Protein backbone atom coordinates (compact mmCIF):
# COMPACT_ATOMS: atom_id res chain seq x y z
CA MET A 1 0.00 0.00 0.00
CA LYS A 2 1.33 3.41 -0.93
CA ASP A 3 1.66 5.71 2.07
CA SER A 4 2.30 9.00 0.25
CA SER A 5 1.50 10.59 -3.11
CA LEU A 6 4.31 11.98 -5.21
CA LEU A 7 4.39 15.76 -5.28
CA VAL A 8 7.69 15.82 -7.19
CA GLU A 9 8.87 14.46 -10.52
CA ASN A 10 10.83 11.34 -9.72
CA THR A 11 12.54 9.77 -12.71
CA LEU A 12 15.11 7.58 -11.04
CA PRO A 13 18.55 7.06 -12.57
CA ASN A 14 19.82 3.71 -13.86
CA ALA A 15 22.56 1.69 -12.18
CA THR A 16 24.10 -1.72 -12.67
CA GLU A 17 25.41 -2.51 -9.18
CA ILE A 18 22.14 -2.66 -7.27
CA LYS A 19 20.76 -4.58 -4.33
CA LYS A 20 17.09 -4.90 -3.44
CA LEU A 21 15.98 -3.80 0.01
CA GLU A 22 14.14 -6.78 1.45
CA LYS A 23 12.60 -5.40 4.63
CA LYS A 24 10.50 -2.37 3.68
CA ASP A 25 9.43 -1.79 7.31
CA ARG A 26 13.00 -0.66 8.01
CA VAL A 27 13.08 2.07 5.37
CA ILE A 28 12.35 5.80 5.66
CA TYR A 29 11.82 7.47 2.28
CA ILE A 30 12.84 10.97 1.19
CA TYR A 31 11.82 12.11 -2.31
CA ILE A 32 13.72 14.81 -4.20
CA GLY A 33 12.76 16.36 -7.53
CA LYS A 34 11.06 19.24 -9.31
CA PRO A 35 7.46 19.83 -8.22
CA THR A 36 4.91 18.24 -10.54
CA GLN A 37 3.03 20.54 -12.92
CA GLU A 38 0.16 21.16 -10.53
CA TYR A 39 2.55 22.31 -7.77
CA ALA A 40 5.10 24.11 -9.96
CA LYS A 41 2.90 27.23 -10.12
CA VAL A 42 3.15 27.64 -6.35
CA PHE A 43 6.56 26.13 -5.54
CA GLY A 44 8.54 26.87 -8.72
CA THR A 45 10.62 24.49 -10.78
CA GLU A 46 13.69 24.08 -8.57
CA PRO A 47 14.10 20.60 -6.99
CA LYS A 48 12.27 20.24 -3.67
CA ILE A 49 12.28 17.74 -0.83
CA GLN A 50 9.14 15.72 -0.13
CA LEU A 51 8.69 14.16 3.31
CA ASN A 52 5.54 12.04 3.47
CA ASP A 53 2.84 14.16 1.78
CA LYS A 54 4.37 17.63 2.11
CA PHE A 55 7.21 19.74 0.80
CA ALA A 56 9.98 20.45 3.29
CA ASN A 57 13.17 22.44 3.72
CA VAL A 58 16.56 20.87 4.32
CA ASP A 59 16.50 21.86 8.00
CA GLU A 60 13.33 19.77 8.52
CA VAL A 61 14.97 16.50 7.42
CA GLY A 62 16.60 15.73 10.79
CA SER A 63 13.41 16.17 12.80
CA TYR A 64 11.48 14.10 10.22
CA ILE A 65 13.95 11.21 10.57
CA LEU A 66 13.78 11.38 14.37
CA ALA A 67 9.96 11.39 14.29
CA GLU A 68 9.81 8.45 11.86
CA ARG A 69 12.39 6.55 13.92
CA ALA A 70 10.29 7.09 17.07
CA LYS A 71 7.26 5.50 15.34
CA LYS A 72 9.16 2.25 14.78
CA PRO A 73 9.46 -0.56 17.33
CA PRO A 74 12.55 -0.18 19.56
CA GLU A 75 14.27 -3.23 18.06
CA LEU A 76 14.15 -1.62 14.58
CA GLN A 77 15.21 1.90 15.52
CA ASN A 78 18.94 1.21 15.15
CA VAL A 79 18.68 -0.68 11.85
CA LEU A 80 16.70 1.81 9.78
CA THR A 81 17.79 2.80 6.29
CA THR A 82 17.06 6.20 4.76
CA ALA A 83 16.19 5.70 1.09
CA LEU A 84 16.73 8.74 -1.11
CA LYS A 85 14.51 8.64 -4.19
CA VAL A 86 16.19 11.36 -6.20
CA ASP A 87 15.13 12.52 -9.64
CA LYS A 88 18.04 12.04 -12.02
CA ASN A 89 18.00 15.78 -12.86
CA ALA A 90 18.18 17.01 -9.24
CA ASN A 91 21.30 18.92 -8.25
CA MET A 92 23.91 17.32 -6.01
CA GLY A 93 24.16 20.37 -3.75
CA LEU A 94 20.72 19.63 -2.35
CA ILE A 95 21.66 15.96 -1.85
CA ALA A 96 24.83 16.96 0.01
CA ASP A 97 22.80 19.26 2.30
CA ILE A 98 20.34 16.44 3.04
CA LYS A 99 23.19 14.05 3.83
CA GLN A 100 24.63 16.61 6.28
CA GLU A 101 21.28 16.74 8.09
CA LEU A 102 21.16 12.93 8.19
CA ARG A 103 24.61 12.86 9.78
CA LYS A 104 23.45 15.26 12.51
CA VAL A 105 20.78 12.75 13.64
CA ASN A 106 23.06 9.73 13.18
CA ALA A 107 21.07 8.35 10.23
CA LEU A 108 24.16 6.99 8.52
CA LYS A 109 22.67 4.10 6.57
CA VAL A 110 21.65 5.72 3.27
CA ASN A 111 20.36 4.06 0.11
CA TYR A 112 19.91 5.64 -3.31
CA THR A 113 16.93 4.12 -5.11
CA THR A 114 17.55 3.41 -8.80
CA TYR A 115 16.32 1.39 -11.73
CA ASP A 116 18.32 -1.58 -12.98
CA GLY A 117 19.95 -0.59 -16.26
CA ASP A 118 22.93 0.91 -18.02
CA ALA A 119 24.22 3.95 -16.10
CA PHE A 120 25.21 5.61 -19.40
CA ASN A 121 21.49 6.06 -20.09
CA ASN A 122 21.52 8.71 -17.35
CA LEU A 123 23.53 11.00 -19.62
CA LYS A 124 20.67 11.41 -22.11
């Protein structure tokens, strides 16, 4: 069951060295991409962060991770993975800022979600 609707464009990049995450209950998702057409009029066309069903600023990422971690059973709280679902056209500066916020709350296990395929297709 899908727990949030996409508010951002999210065309994931291709990669060849991938591994499937088996236990979805241990994953916290962060979406990054340009707002979809219906939201672009209000939020512009620069890449934005989506946490659950709302747009967020970089400084909200840490508190979001802490809140999501608190919702999980105690035995899972130390084994959570943060999955970044980043549009292939998003800029790396935003990703670096998000990773800094993740470090501040000790969310060091990070996964980049991709499609299986030739990475050279990302250059198109």
